[in-house]
Amino acid sequence: MAIFITQGRYTSDAIKGMIANPENREKAVADLMKKAGGKLLALYFTFGEYDFLSISEAPSEEVMASALIAGAAAGTVSHLRTSVAMTAGQAMKAFKSAQELSKSFKPAGR
């Protein structure tokens, strides 16, 4: 399964709601991911440009996209940014494969 890292921001209404009625958002996000067919591995609250960072596992981009779309549709998160993460071993395989591919690839304009 692929690993996805998502960062996002809470809307001001979400922040007001969480202050008025504190709750464990990790459980809510984990339930959403499970229903979509994936798994939440970790959820962090962060400082700076983004309010949270989640690390999730999903069998496909479509599964991850469905969870992100459902979360965004609720209207309490914005500026979602998701990246696919690779292990060091996966990256090494990609570099080795690229090494062979680059030998026969013709760059543009040459």
PDB file of N, CA and C in Angstrom:
ATOM      1  N   MET A   1       0.831  -1.191   0.000  1.00  0.00           N
ATOM      2  CA  MET A   1       0.000   0.000   0.000  1.00  0.00           C
ATOM      3  C   MET A   1       0.870   1.246   0.000  1.00  0.00           C
ATOM      4  N   ALA A   2       0.375   2.271  -0.633  1.00  0.00           N
ATOM      5  CA  ALA A   2       1.109   3.534  -0.712  1.00  0.00           C
ATOM      6  C   ALA A   2       0.897   4.352   0.559  1.00  0.00           C
ATOM      7  N   ILE A   3       1.904   5.163   0.871  1.00  0.00           N
ATOM      8  CA  ILE A   3       1.845   6.061   2.022  1.00  0.00           C
ATOM      9  C   ILE A   3       1.596   7.473   1.499  1.00  0.00           C
ATOM     10  N   PHE A   4       0.657   8.178   2.124  1.00  0.00           N
ATOM     11  CA  PHE A   4       0.309   9.537   1.736  1.00  0.00           C
ATOM     12  C   PHE A   4       0.484  10.464   2.930  1.00  0.00           C
ATOM     13  N   ILE A   5       1.096  11.604   2.698  1.00  0.00           N
ATOM     14  CA  ILE A   5       1.259  12.613   3.730  1.00  0.00           C
ATOM     15  C   ILE A   5       0.391  13.802   3.327  1.00  0.00           C
ATOM     16  N   THR A   6      -0.520  14.183   4.205  1.00  0.00           N
ATOM     17  CA  THR A   6      -1.439  15.284   3.925  1.00  0.00           C
ATOM     18  C   THR A   6      -1.267  16.380   4.956  1.00  0.00           C
ATOM     19  N   GLN A   7      -1.178  17.610   4.473  1.00  0.00           N
ATOM     20  CA  GLN A   7      -1.168  18.782   5.344  1.00  0.00           C
ATOM     21  C   GLN A   7      -2.402  19.597   5.008  1.00  0.00           C
ATOM     22  N   GLY A   8      -2.919  20.315   5.996  1.00  0.00           N
ATOM     23  CA  GLY A   8      -4.081  21.142   5.744  1.00  0.00           C
ATOM     24  C   GLY A   8      -4.295  22.156   6.842  1.00  0.00           C
ATOM     25  N   ARG A   9      -5.303  22.973   6.618  1.00  0.00           N
ATOM     26  CA  ARG A   9      -5.660  24.010   7.585  1.00  0.00           C
ATOM     27  C   ARG A   9      -7.101  23.794   8.033  1.00  0.00           C
ATOM     28  N   TYR A  10      -7.378  24.132   9.272  1.00  0.00           N
ATOM     29  CA  TYR A  10      -8.743  24.154   9.761  1.00  0.00           C
ATOM     30  C   TYR A  10      -9.340  25.519   9.463  1.00  0.00           C
ATOM     31  N   THR A  11     -10.625  25.554   9.155  1.00  0.00           N
ATOM     32  CA  THR A  11     -11.304  26.830   8.987  1.00  0.00           C
ATOM     33  C   THR A  11     -11.507  27.456  10.366  1.00  0.00           C
ATOM     34  N   SER A  12     -11.807  28.737  10.397  1.00  0.00           N
ATOM     35  CA  SER A  12     -12.040  29.390  11.693  1.00  0.00           C
ATOM     36  C   SER A  12     -13.256  28.775  12.380  1.00  0.00           C
ATOM     37  N   ASP A  13     -14.264  28.359  11.615  1.00  0.00           N
ATOM     38  CA  ASP A  13     -15.424  27.688  12.221  1.00  0.00           C
ATOM     39  C   ASP A  13     -15.027  26.368  12.871  1.00  0.00           C
ATOM     40  N   ALA A  14     -14.124  25.645  12.249  1.00  0.00           N
ATOM     41  CA  ALA A  14     -13.661  24.382  12.837  1.00  0.00           C
ATOM     42  C   ALA A  14     -12.933  24.635  14.152  1.00  0.00           C
ATOM     43  N   ILE A  15     -12.060  25.639  14.166  1.00  0.00           N
ATOM     44  CA  ILE A  15     -11.321  25.968  15.387  1.00  0.00           C
ATOM     45  C   ILE A  15     -12.294  26.371  16.493  1.00  0.00           C
ATOM     46  N   LYS A  16     -13.260  27.220  16.170  1.00  0.00           N
ATOM     47  CA  LYS A  16     -14.261  27.626  17.164  1.00  0.00           C
ATOM     48  C   LYS A  16     -15.019  26.413  17.694  1.00  0.00           C
ATOM     49  N   GLY A  17     -15.387  25.513  16.807  1.00  0.00           N
ATOM     50  CA  GLY A  17     -16.102  24.305  17.217  1.00  0.00           C
ATOM     51  C   GLY A  17     -15.272  23.395  18.098  1.00  0.00           C
ATOM     52  N   MET A  18     -13.980  23.262  17.786  1.00  0.00           N
ATOM     53  CA  MET A  18     -13.113  22.395  18.593  1.00  0.00           C
ATOM     54  C   MET A  18     -12.839  22.997  19.967  1.00  0.00           C
ATOM     55  N   ILE A  19     -12.863  24.328  20.057  1.00  0.00           N
ATOM     56  CA  ILE A  19     -12.713  24.974  21.364  1.00  0.00           C
ATOM     57  C   ILE A  19     -13.990  24.778  22.184  1.00  0.00           C
ATOM     58  N   ALA A  20     -15.141  24.972  21.541  1.00  0.00           N
ATOM     59  CA  ALA A  20     -16.421  24.842  22.233  1.00  0.00           C
ATOM     60  C   ALA A  20     -16.710  23.400  22.642  1.00  0.00           C
ATOM     61  N   ASN A  21     -16.262  22.451  21.803  1.00  0.00           N
ATOM     62  CA  ASN A  21     -16.550  21.043  22.060  1.00  0.00           C
ATOM     63  C   ASN A  21     -15.317  20.209  21.683  1.00  0.00           C
ATOM     64  N   PRO A  22     -14.274  20.200  22.550  1.00  0.00           N
ATOM     65  CA  PRO A  22     -13.058  19.454  22.222  1.00  0.00           C
ATOM     66  C   PRO A  22     -13.358  17.971  21.972  1.00  0.00           C
ATOM     67  N   GLU A  23     -12.734  17.448  20.935  1.00  0.00           N
ATOM     68  CA  GLU A  23     -12.903  16.034  20.600  1.00  0.00           C
ATOM     69  C   GLU A  23     -11.636  15.498  19.968  1.00  0.00           C
ATOM     70  N   ASN A  24     -11.499  14.206  19.963  1.00  0.00           N
ATOM     71  CA  ASN A  24     -10.334  13.546  19.384  1.00  0.00           C
ATOM     72  C   ASN A  24     -10.517  13.440  17.873  1.00  0.00           C
ATOM     73  N   ARG A  25      -9.913  14.341  17.106  1.00  0.00           N
ATOM     74  CA  ARG A  25     -10.044  14.324  15.653  1.00  0.00           C
ATOM     75  C   ARG A  25      -9.339  13.123  15.038  1.00  0.00           C
ATOM     76  N   GLU A  26      -8.372  12.559  15.747  1.00  0.00           N
ATOM     77  CA  GLU A  26      -7.672  11.386  15.233  1.00  0.00           C
ATOM     78  C   GLU A  26      -8.651  10.241  14.985  1.00  0.00           C
ATOM     79  N   LYS A  27      -9.575  10.035  15.907  1.00  0.00           N
ATOM     80  CA  LYS A  27     -10.563   8.968  15.738  1.00  0.00           C
ATOM     81  C   LYS A  27     -11.452   9.249  14.530  1.00  0.00           C
ATOM     82  N   ALA A  28     -11.897  10.491  14.379  1.00  0.00           N
ATOM     83  CA  ALA A  28     -12.765  10.837  13.250  1.00  0.00           C
ATOM     84  C   ALA A  28     -12.054  10.612  11.917  1.00  0.00           C
ATOM     85  N   VAL A  29     -10.786  11.029  11.826  1.00  0.00           N
ATOM     86  CA  VAL A  29     -10.024  10.855  10.581  1.00  0.00           C
ATOM     87  C   VAL A  29      -9.738   9.371  10.339  1.00  0.00           C
ATOM     88  N   ALA A  30      -9.418   8.639  11.400  1.00  0.00           N
ATOM     89  CA  ALA A  30      -9.171   7.194  11.258  1.00  0.00           C
ATOM     90  C   ALA A  30     -10.421   6.479  10.758  1.00  0.00           C
ATOM     91  N   ASP A  31     -11.576   6.852  11.290  1.00  0.00           N
ATOM     92  CA  ASP A  31     -12.832   6.244  10.838  1.00  0.00           C
ATOM     93  C   ASP A  31     -13.102   6.559   9.364  1.00  0.00           C
ATOM     94  N   LEU A  32     -12.852   7.798   8.963  1.00  0.00           N
ATOM     95  CA  LEU A  32     -13.040   8.190   7.564  1.00  0.00           C
ATOM     96  C   LEU A  32     -12.127   7.372   6.653  1.00  0.00           C
ATOM     97  N   MET A  33     -10.854   7.267   7.027  1.00  0.00           N
ATOM     98  CA  MET A  33      -9.907   6.502   6.205  1.00  0.00           C
ATOM     99  C   MET A  33     -10.312   5.032   6.117  1.00  0.00           C
ATOM    100  N   LYS A  34     -10.747   4.465   7.221  1.00  0.00           N
ATOM    101  CA  LYS A  34     -11.157   3.055   7.234  1.00  0.00           C
ATOM    102  C   LYS A  34     -12.352   2.829   6.309  1.00  0.00           C
ATOM    103  N   LYS A  35     -13.344   3.727   6.390  1.00  0.00           N
ATOM    104  CA  LYS A  35     -14.522   3.604   5.526  1.00  0.00           C
ATOM    105  C   LYS A  35     -14.160   3.755   4.051  1.00  0.00           C
ATOM    106  N   ALA A  36     -13.135   4.562   3.763  1.00  0.00           N
ATOM    107  CA  ALA A  36     -12.698   4.765   2.376  1.00  0.00           C
ATOM    108  C   ALA A  36     -11.897   3.570   1.860  1.00  0.00           C
ATOM    109  N   GLY A  37     -11.354   2.755   2.764  1.00  0.00           N
ATOM    110  CA  GLY A  37     -10.548   1.604   2.360  1.00  0.00           C
ATOM    111  C   GLY A  37      -9.077   1.756   2.671  1.00  0.00           C
ATOM    112  N   GLY A  38      -8.720   2.774   3.456  1.00  0.00           N
ATOM    113  CA  GLY A  38      -7.329   3.007   3.832  1.00  0.00           C
ATOM    114  C   GLY A  38      -7.147   2.916   5.331  1.00  0.00           C
ATOM    115  N   LYS A  39      -6.053   3.490   5.804  1.00  0.00           N
ATOM    116  CA  LYS A  39      -5.743   3.443   7.233  1.00  0.00           C
ATOM    117  C   LYS A  39      -4.968   4.698   7.627  1.00  0.00           C
ATOM    118  N   LEU A  40      -5.389   5.346   8.702  1.00  0.00           N
ATOM    119  CA  LEU A  40      -4.641   6.469   9.252  1.00  0.00           C
ATOM    120  C   LEU A  40      -3.512   5.905  10.101  1.00  0.00           C
ATOM    121  N   LEU A  41      -2.286   6.316   9.811  1.00  0.00           N
ATOM    122  CA  LEU A  41      -1.137   5.860  10.591  1.00  0.00           C
ATOM    123  C   LEU A  41      -0.785   6.842  11.699  1.00  0.00           C
ATOM    124  N   ALA A  42      -0.964   8.142  11.439  1.00  0.00           N
ATOM    125  CA  ALA A  42      -0.652   9.157  12.444  1.00  0.00           C
ATOM    126  C   ALA A  42      -1.327  10.468  12.081  1.00  0.00           C
ATOM    127  N   LEU A  43      -1.655  11.246  13.099  1.00  0.00           N
ATOM    128  CA  LEU A  43      -2.204  12.587  12.906  1.00  0.00           C
ATOM    129  C   LEU A  43      -1.507  13.510  13.883  1.00  0.00           C
ATOM    130  N   TYR A  44      -0.976  14.607  13.359  1.00  0.00           N
ATOM    131  CA  TYR A  44      -0.262  15.580  14.183  1.00  0.00           C
ATOM    132  C   TYR A  44      -0.881  16.953  14.001  1.00  0.00           C
ATOM    133  N   PHE A  45      -0.945  17.719  15.076  1.00  0.00           N
ATOM    134  CA  PHE A  45      -1.281  19.126  15.003  1.00  0.00           C
ATOM    135  C   PHE A  45       0.033  19.868  14.870  1.00  0.00           C
ATOM    136  N   THR A  46       0.092  20.823  13.952  1.00  0.00           N
ATOM    137  CA  THR A  46       1.361  21.472  13.646  1.00  0.00           C
ATOM    138  C   THR A  46       1.242  22.995  13.731  1.00  0.00           C
ATOM    139  N   PHE A  47       2.382  23.634  13.901  1.00  0.00           N
ATOM    140  CA  PHE A  47       2.458  25.086  13.917  1.00  0.00           C
ATOM    141  C   PHE A  47       2.936  25.560  12.549  1.00  0.00           C
ATOM    142  N   GLY A  48       2.617  26.786  12.206  1.00  0.00           N
ATOM    143  CA  GLY A  48       3.116  27.353  10.959  1.00  0.00           C
ATOM    144  C   GLY A  48       2.040  27.438   9.910  1.00  0.00           C
ATOM    145  N   GLU A  49       2.429  27.204   8.677  1.00  0.00           N
ATOM    146  CA  GLU A  49       1.533  27.381   7.540  1.00  0.00           C
ATOM    147  C   GLU A  49       0.337  26.422   7.583  1.00  0.00           C
ATOM    148  N   TYR A  50       0.537  25.223   8.122  1.00  0.00           N
ATOM    149  CA  TYR A  50      -0.522  24.221   8.177  1.00  0.00           C
ATOM    150  C   TYR A  50      -0.853  23.895   9.630  1.00  0.00           C
ATOM    151  N   ASP A  51      -2.111  23.514   9.857  1.00  0.00           N
ATOM    152  CA  ASP A  51      -2.584  23.193  11.207  1.00  0.00           C
ATOM    153  C   ASP A  51      -2.436  21.716  11.559  1.00  0.00           C
ATOM    154  N   PHE A  52      -2.407  20.865  10.541  1.00  0.00           N
ATOM    155  CA  PHE A  52      -2.287  19.428  10.822  1.00  0.00           C
ATOM    156  C   PHE A  52      -1.505  18.724   9.719  1.00  0.00           C
ATOM    157  N   LEU A  53      -1.009  17.556  10.074  1.00  0.00           N
ATOM    158  CA  LEU A  53      -0.299  16.680   9.147  1.00  0.00           C
ATOM    159  C   LEU A  53      -0.770  15.267   9.455  1.00  0.00           C
ATOM    160  N   SER A  54      -1.207  14.560   8.437  1.00  0.00           N
ATOM    161  CA  SER A  54      -1.609  13.165   8.629  1.00  0.00           C
ATOM    162  C   SER A  54      -0.758  12.269   7.741  1.00  0.00           C
ATOM    163  N   ILE A  55      -0.529  11.075   8.230  1.00  0.00           N
ATOM    164  CA  ILE A  55       0.167  10.047   7.461  1.00  0.00           C
ATOM    165  C   ILE A  55      -0.805   8.882   7.336  1.00  0.00           C
ATOM    166  N   SER A  56      -1.130   8.550   6.098  1.00  0.00           N
ATOM    167  CA  SER A  56      -2.130   7.524   5.834  1.00  0.00           C
ATOM    168  C   SER A  56      -1.599   6.495   4.857  1.00  0.00           C
ATOM    169  N   GLU A  57      -2.253   5.363   4.864  1.00  0.00           N
ATOM    170  CA  GLU A  57      -1.920   4.273   3.957  1.00  0.00           C
ATOM    171  C   GLU A  57      -3.182   3.965   3.160  1.00  0.00           C
ATOM    172  N   ALA A  58      -3.046   3.805   1.845  1.00  0.00           N
ATOM    173  CA  ALA A  58      -4.200   3.489   1.001  1.00  0.00           C
ATOM    174  C   ALA A  58      -3.747   2.627  -0.172  1.00  0.00           C
ATOM    175  N   PRO A  59      -4.626   1.779  -0.667  1.00  0.00           N
ATOM    176  CA  PRO A  59      -4.252   0.899  -1.777  1.00  0.00           C
ATOM    177  C   PRO A  59      -4.161   1.598  -3.127  1.00  0.00           C
ATOM    178  N   SER A  60      -4.725   2.815  -3.223  1.00  0.00           N
ATOM    179  CA  SER A  60      -4.696   3.523  -4.507  1.00  0.00           C
ATOM    180  C   SER A  60      -4.907   5.013  -4.295  1.00  0.00           C
ATOM    181  N   GLU A  61      -4.595   5.764  -5.334  1.00  0.00           N
ATOM    182  CA  GLU A  61      -4.843   7.204  -5.312  1.00  0.00           C
ATOM    183  C   GLU A  61      -6.340   7.491  -5.217  1.00  0.00           C
ATOM    184  N   GLU A  62      -7.149   6.649  -5.849  1.00  0.00           N
ATOM    185  CA  GLU A  62      -8.592   6.851  -5.828  1.00  0.00           C
ATOM    186  C   GLU A  62      -9.147   6.744  -4.412  1.00  0.00           C
ATOM    187  N   VAL A  63      -8.656   5.773  -3.643  1.00  0.00           N
ATOM    188  CA  VAL A  63      -9.106   5.612  -2.257  1.00  0.00           C
ATOM    189  C   VAL A  63      -8.717   6.844  -1.446  1.00  0.00           C
ATOM    190  N   MET A  64      -7.470   7.293  -1.610  1.00  0.00           N
ATOM    191  CA  MET A  64      -7.019   8.469  -0.857  1.00  0.00           C
ATOM    192  C   MET A  64      -7.799   9.702  -1.283  1.00  0.00           C
ATOM    193  N   ALA A  65      -8.014   9.863  -2.580  1.00  0.00           N
ATOM    194  CA  ALA A  65      -8.759  11.019  -3.078  1.00  0.00           C
ATOM    195  C   ALA A  65     -10.184  11.028  -2.534  1.00  0.00           C
ATOM    196  N   SER A  66     -10.817   9.876  -2.444  1.00  0.00           N
ATOM    197  CA  SER A  66     -12.196   9.839  -1.941  1.00  0.00           C
ATOM    198  C   SER A  66     -12.255  10.303  -0.484  1.00  0.00           C
ATOM    199  N   ALA A  67     -11.273   9.905   0.318  1.00  0.00           N
ATOM    200  CA  ALA A  67     -11.238  10.357   1.713  1.00  0.00           C
ATOM    201  C   ALA A  67     -10.985  11.860   1.791  1.00  0.00           C
ATOM    202  N   LEU A  68     -10.064  12.356   0.979  1.00  0.00           N
ATOM    203  CA  LEU A  68      -9.772  13.794   0.971  1.00  0.00           C
ATOM    204  C   LEU A  68     -10.970  14.619   0.515  1.00  0.00           C
ATOM    205  N   ILE A  69     -11.650  14.156  -0.516  1.00  0.00           N
ATOM    206  CA  ILE A  69     -12.817  14.866  -1.033  1.00  0.00           C
ATOM    207  C   ILE A  69     -13.923  14.891   0.021  1.00  0.00           C
ATOM    208  N   ALA A  70     -14.160  13.749   0.673  1.00  0.00           N
ATOM    209  CA  ALA A  70     -15.188  13.699   1.722  1.00  0.00           C
ATOM    210  C   ALA A  70     -14.837  14.628   2.878  1.00  0.00           C
ATOM    211  N   GLY A  71     -13.574  14.643   3.272  1.00  0.00           N
ATOM    212  CA  GLY A  71     -13.141  15.533   4.351  1.00  0.00           C
ATOM    213  C   GLY A  71     -13.295  16.988   3.970  1.00  0.00           C
ATOM    214  N   ALA A  72     -12.911  17.331   2.754  1.00  0.00           N
ATOM    215  CA  ALA A  72     -13.026  18.715   2.286  1.00  0.00           C
ATOM    216  C   ALA A  72     -14.488  19.135   2.147  1.00  0.00           C
ATOM    217  N   ALA A  73     -15.342  18.209   1.740  1.00  0.00           N
ATOM    218  CA  ALA A  73     -16.760  18.522   1.543  1.00  0.00           C
ATOM    219  C   ALA A  73     -17.447  18.916   2.852  1.00  0.00           C
ATOM    220  N   ALA A  74     -16.888  18.482   3.980  1.00  0.00           N
ATOM    221  CA  ALA A  74     -17.472  18.847   5.275  1.00  0.00           C
ATOM    222  C   ALA A  74     -17.338  20.340   5.539  1.00  0.00           C
ATOM    223  N   GLY A  75     -16.384  20.990   4.859  1.00  0.00           N
ATOM    224  CA  GLY A  75     -16.243  22.430   4.958  1.00  0.00           C
ATOM    225  C   GLY A  75     -15.427  22.946   6.125  1.00  0.00           C
ATOM    226  N   THR A  76     -14.759  22.071   6.856  1.00  0.00           N
ATOM    227  CA  THR A  76     -13.996  22.520   8.029  1.00  0.00           C
ATOM    228  C   THR A  76     -12.488  22.450   7.841  1.00  0.00           C
ATOM    229  N   VAL A  77     -12.045  21.986   6.672  1.00  0.00           N
ATOM    230  CA  VAL A  77     -10.616  21.981   6.363  1.00  0.00           C
ATOM    231  C   VAL A  77     -10.402  22.644   5.011  1.00  0.00           C
ATOM    232  N   SER A  78      -9.205  23.192   4.826  1.00  0.00           N
ATOM    233  CA  SER A  78      -8.887  23.830   3.548  1.00  0.00           C
ATOM    234  C   SER A  78      -7.402  23.660   3.265  1.00  0.00           C
ATOM    235  N   HIS A  79      -6.999  24.085   2.082  1.00  0.00           N
ATOM    236  CA  HIS A  79      -5.596  24.063   1.675  1.00  0.00           C
ATOM    237  C   HIS A  79      -4.964  22.673   1.850  1.00  0.00           C
ATOM    238  N   LEU A  80      -5.708  21.638   1.467  1.00  0.00           N
ATOM    239  CA  LEU A  80      -5.168  20.282   1.581  1.00  0.00           C
ATOM    240  C   LEU A  80      -4.044  20.087   0.568  1.00  0.00           C
ATOM    241  N   ARG A  81      -2.974  19.519   1.043  1.00  0.00           N
ATOM    242  CA  ARG A  81      -1.795  19.253   0.211  1.00  0.00           C
ATOM    243  C   ARG A  81      -1.342  17.831   0.528  1.00  0.00           C
ATOM    244  N   THR A  82      -1.376  16.962  -0.469  1.00  0.00           N
ATOM    245  CA  THR A  82      -1.056  15.552  -0.247  1.00  0.00           C
ATOM    246  C   THR A  82       0.088  15.124  -1.139  1.00  0.00           C
ATOM    247  N   SER A  83       1.021  14.388  -0.564  1.00  0.00           N
ATOM    248  CA  SER A  83       2.170  13.849  -1.284  1.00  0.00           C
ATOM    249  C   SER A  83       2.238  12.350  -1.069  1.00  0.00           C
ATOM    250  N   VAL A  84       2.757  11.651  -2.052  1.00  0.00           N
ATOM    251  CA  VAL A  84       3.036  10.225  -1.901  1.00  0.00           C
ATOM    252  C   VAL A  84       4.430  10.096  -1.315  1.00  0.00           C
ATOM    253  N   ALA A  85       4.582   9.242  -0.320  1.00  0.00           N
ATOM    254  CA  ALA A  85       5.883   9.030   0.315  1.00  0.00           C
ATOM    255  C   ALA A  85       6.437   7.667  -0.089  1.00  0.00           C
ATOM    256  N   MET A  86       7.751   7.623  -0.246  1.00  0.00           N
ATOM    257  CA  MET A  86       8.428   6.374  -0.591  1.00  0.00           C
ATOM    258  C   MET A  86       9.446   6.049   0.491  1.00  0.00           C
ATOM    259  N   THR A  87       9.647   4.764   0.744  1.00  0.00           N
ATOM    260  CA  THR A  87      10.702   4.357   1.655  1.00  0.00           C
ATOM    261  C   THR A  87      12.048   4.543   0.965  1.00  0.00           C
ATOM    262  N   ALA A  88      13.115   4.501   1.732  1.00  0.00           N
ATOM    263  CA  ALA A  88      14.455   4.596   1.151  1.00  0.00           C
ATOM    264  C   ALA A  88      14.691   3.440   0.172  1.00  0.00           C
ATOM    265  N   GLY A  89      14.203   2.265   0.508  1.00  0.00           N
ATOM    266  CA  GLY A  89      14.346   1.112  -0.381  1.00  0.00           C
ATOM    267  C   GLY A  89      13.620   1.309  -1.703  1.00  0.00           C
ATOM    268  N   GLN A  90      12.420   1.858  -1.655  1.00  0.00           N
ATOM    269  CA  GLN A  90      11.666   2.134  -2.874  1.00  0.00           C
ATOM    270  C   GLN A  90      12.383   3.186  -3.723  1.00  0.00           C
ATOM    271  N   ALA A  91      12.922   4.202  -3.063  1.00  0.00           N
ATOM    272  CA  ALA A  91      13.653   5.244  -3.790  1.00  0.00           C
ATOM    273  C   ALA A  91      14.894   4.666  -4.468  1.00  0.00           C
ATOM    274  N   MET A  92      15.609   3.774  -3.795  1.00  0.00           N
ATOM    275  CA  MET A  92      16.793   3.149  -4.390  1.00  0.00           C
ATOM    276  C   MET A  92      16.428   2.362  -5.647  1.00  0.00           C
ATOM    277  N   LYS A  93      15.322   1.639  -5.594  1.00  0.00           N
ATOM    278  CA  LYS A  93      14.862   0.905  -6.779  1.00  0.00           C
ATOM    279  C   LYS A  93      14.564   1.870  -7.919  1.00  0.00           C
ATOM    280  N   ALA A  94      13.938   2.997  -7.599  1.00  0.00           N
ATOM    281  CA  ALA A  94      13.620   3.994  -8.618  1.00  0.00           C
ATOM    282  C   ALA A  94      14.887   4.586  -9.221  1.00  0.00           C
ATOM    283  N   PHE A  95      15.886   4.891  -8.381  1.00  0.00           N
ATOM    284  CA  PHE A  95      17.145   5.437  -8.895  1.00  0.00           C
ATOM    285  C   PHE A  95      17.878   4.425  -9.771  1.00  0.00           C
ATOM    286  N   LYS A  96      17.861   3.157  -9.380  1.00  0.00           N
ATOM    287  CA  LYS A  96      18.512   2.124 -10.191  1.00  0.00           C
ATOM    288  C   LYS A  96      17.810   1.969 -11.533  1.00  0.00           C
ATOM    289  N   SER A  97      16.494   2.020 -11.520  1.00  0.00           N
ATOM    290  CA  SER A  97      15.738   1.928 -12.764  1.00  0.00           C
ATOM    291  C   SER A  97      15.998   3.161 -13.637  1.00  0.00           C
ATOM    292  N   ALA A  98      16.040   4.323 -13.008  1.00  0.00           N
ATOM    293  CA  ALA A  98      16.312   5.564 -13.746  1.00  0.00           C
ATOM    294  C   ALA A  98      17.701   5.553 -14.358  1.00  0.00           C
ATOM    295  N   GLN A  99      18.640   4.917 -13.689  1.00  0.00           N
ATOM    296  CA  GLN A  99      20.013   4.823 -14.203  1.00  0.00           C
ATOM    297  C   GLN A  99      20.004   4.138 -15.564  1.00  0.00           C
ATOM    298  N   GLU A 100      19.256   3.063 -15.678  1.00  0.00           N
ATOM    299  CA  GLU A 100      19.170   2.343 -16.951  1.00  0.00           C
ATOM    300  C   GLU A 100      18.380   3.141 -17.987  1.00  0.00           C
ATOM    301  N   LEU A 101      17.267   3.719 -17.573  1.00  0.00           N
ATOM    302  CA  LEU A 101      16.436   4.483 -18.500  1.00  0.00           C
ATOM    303  C   LEU A 101      17.173   5.699 -19.053  1.00  0.00           C
ATOM    304  N   SER A 102      17.972   6.345 -18.214  1.00  0.00           N
ATOM    305  CA  SER A 102      18.660   7.571 -18.647  1.00  0.00           C
ATOM    306  C   SER A 102      19.703   7.309 -19.730  1.00  0.00           C
ATOM    307  N   LYS A 103      20.165   6.079 -19.852  1.00  0.00           N
ATOM    308  CA  LYS A 103      21.170   5.745 -20.871  1.00  0.00           C
ATOM    309  C   LYS A 103      20.594   5.835 -22.284  1.00  0.00           C
ATOM    310  N   SER A 104      19.290   5.612 -22.429  1.00  0.00           N
ATOM    311  CA  SER A 104      18.699   5.626 -23.766  1.00  0.00           C
ATOM    312  C   SER A 104      17.708   6.770 -23.973  1.00  0.00           C
ATOM    313  N   PHE A 105      17.526   7.619 -22.986  1.00  0.00           N
ATOM    314  CA  PHE A 105      16.581   8.729 -23.109  1.00  0.00           C
ATOM    315  C   PHE A 105      17.209   9.904 -23.835  1.00  0.00           C
ATOM    316  N   LYS A 106      16.531  10.398 -24.842  1.00  0.00           N
ATOM    317  CA  LYS A 106      17.018  11.543 -25.618  1.00  0.00           C
ATOM    318  C   LYS A 106      16.381  12.810 -25.052  1.00  0.00           C
ATOM    319  N   PRO A 107      17.196  13.731 -24.500  1.00  0.00           N
ATOM    320  CA  PRO A 107      16.642  14.974 -23.967  1.00  0.00           C
ATOM    321  C   PRO A 107      16.024  15.846 -25.062  1.00  0.00           C
ATOM    322  N   ALA A 108      15.073  16.662 -24.685  1.00  0.00           N
ATOM    323  CA  ALA A 108      14.411  17.561 -25.633  1.00  0.00           C
ATOM    324  C   ALA A 108      15.430  18.511 -26.249  1.00  0.00           C
ATOM    325  N   GLY A 109      15.300  18.734 -27.531  1.00  0.00           N
ATOM    326  CA  GLY A 109      16.168  19.692 -28.229  1.00  0.00           C
ATOM    327  C   GLY A 109      17.555  19.181 -28.547  1.00  0.00           C
ATOM    328  N   ARG A 110      17.808  17.919 -28.345  1.00  0.00           N
ATOM    329  CA  ARG A 110      19.154  17.386 -28.644  1.00  0.00           C
ATOM    330  C   ARG A 110      19.101  16.259 -29.650  1.00  0.00           C
TER     331      ARG A 110
END
